[in-house]
Amino acid sequence: MKRELIKTIQEKEVQLSKLKAHVDKSSVCSELYNKVVLEKAILKKELEKLEQNTFVKRIKSLLPRKKTLICDYFKN
């Protein structure tokens, strides 16, 4: 999953580099460029979430869990 996201992000960067030269020439290219920029940003955010979740999961697995007892709810 992570490799696929990285590969897709790289493809978006290639598309952006090709479109960058034509952005000023037509409105269609400009719109397409903006669309690809948004798609790349979304993919980067998904990749960030994937990396963040695995890191958080590792930390949570190392920390001891405190069990909550019924009497804990009635403490003043």
Protein backbone atom coordinates (compact mmCIF):
# COMPACT_ATOMS: atom_id res chain seq x y z
CA MET A 1 0.00 0.00 0.00
CA LYS A 2 2.73 2.41 0.99
CA ARG A 3 4.81 1.65 -2.10
CA GLU A 4 1.80 2.14 -4.34
CA LEU A 5 1.14 5.56 -2.83
CA ILE A 6 4.77 6.59 -3.27
CA LYS A 7 4.73 5.40 -6.87
CA THR A 8 1.50 7.29 -7.58
CA ILE A 9 2.91 10.46 -6.00
CA GLN A 10 5.96 10.20 -8.22
CA GLU A 11 3.71 9.81 -11.27
CA LYS A 12 1.82 12.94 -10.24
CA GLU A 13 5.12 14.83 -9.95
CA VAL A 14 6.01 13.78 -13.51
CA GLN A 15 2.60 14.94 -14.73
CA LEU A 16 3.05 18.26 -12.96
CA SER A 17 6.47 18.82 -14.49
CA LYS A 18 5.04 18.19 -17.97
CA LEU A 19 2.01 20.41 -17.40
CA LYS A 20 3.98 23.26 -15.84
CA ALA A 21 5.27 24.43 -19.23
CA HIS A 22 1.74 24.64 -20.65
CA VAL A 23 -0.12 26.21 -17.72
CA ASP A 24 0.13 29.74 -19.08
CA LYS A 25 -0.89 28.73 -22.60
CA SER A 26 -4.38 27.34 -22.01
CA SER A 27 -7.05 27.27 -19.35
CA VAL A 28 -7.57 23.52 -19.81
CA CYS A 29 -3.94 22.85 -18.90
CA SER A 30 -4.24 25.20 -15.96
CA GLU A 31 -7.30 23.37 -14.64
CA LEU A 32 -5.65 20.00 -15.17
CA TYR A 33 -2.53 21.22 -13.37
CA ASN A 34 -4.62 22.34 -10.39
CA LYS A 35 -6.45 19.01 -10.36
CA VAL A 36 -3.19 17.06 -10.32
CA VAL A 37 -1.83 19.27 -7.52
CA LEU A 38 -4.91 18.47 -5.42
CA GLU A 39 -4.64 14.75 -6.14
CA LYS A 40 -0.99 14.77 -5.15
CA ALA A 41 -1.79 16.58 -1.89
CA ILE A 42 -4.47 14.03 -1.06
CA LEU A 43 -2.08 11.15 -1.74
CA LYS A 44 0.60 12.74 0.44
CA LYS A 45 -1.90 13.10 3.27
CA GLU A 46 -2.89 9.43 2.97
CA LEU A 47 0.76 8.42 3.06
CA GLU A 48 1.30 10.59 6.12
CA LYS A 49 -1.65 8.92 7.85
CA LEU A 50 -0.28 5.47 7.07
CA GLU A 51 3.11 6.33 8.52
CA GLN A 52 1.59 8.01 11.54
CA ASN A 53 -0.76 5.14 12.36
CA THR A 54 1.98 2.53 12.36
CA PHE A 55 4.14 4.69 14.61
CA VAL A 56 1.30 5.28 17.06
CA LYS A 57 0.39 1.60 17.07
CA ARG A 58 3.97 0.65 17.91
CA ILE A 59 4.06 3.06 20.83
CA LYS A 60 0.70 1.89 22.15
CA SER A 61 1.80 -1.72 22.04
CA LEU A 62 4.86 -0.92 24.17
CA LEU A 63 3.02 1.03 26.86
CA PRO A 64 1.35 -0.94 29.64
CA ARG A 65 -2.39 -0.60 29.70
CA LYS A 66 -4.15 0.51 32.82
CA LYS A 67 -7.29 -1.42 33.54
CA THR A 68 -10.27 0.63 34.61
CA LEU A 69 -12.22 -0.81 37.49
CA ILE A 70 -15.82 -0.05 38.32
CA CYS A 71 -14.78 1.64 41.56
CA ASP A 72 -12.67 4.10 39.52
CA TYR A 73 -15.86 5.63 38.14
CA PHE A 74 -17.17 6.42 41.62
CA LYS A 75 -14.07 8.16 43.01
CA ASN A 76 -14.55 11.75 44.17
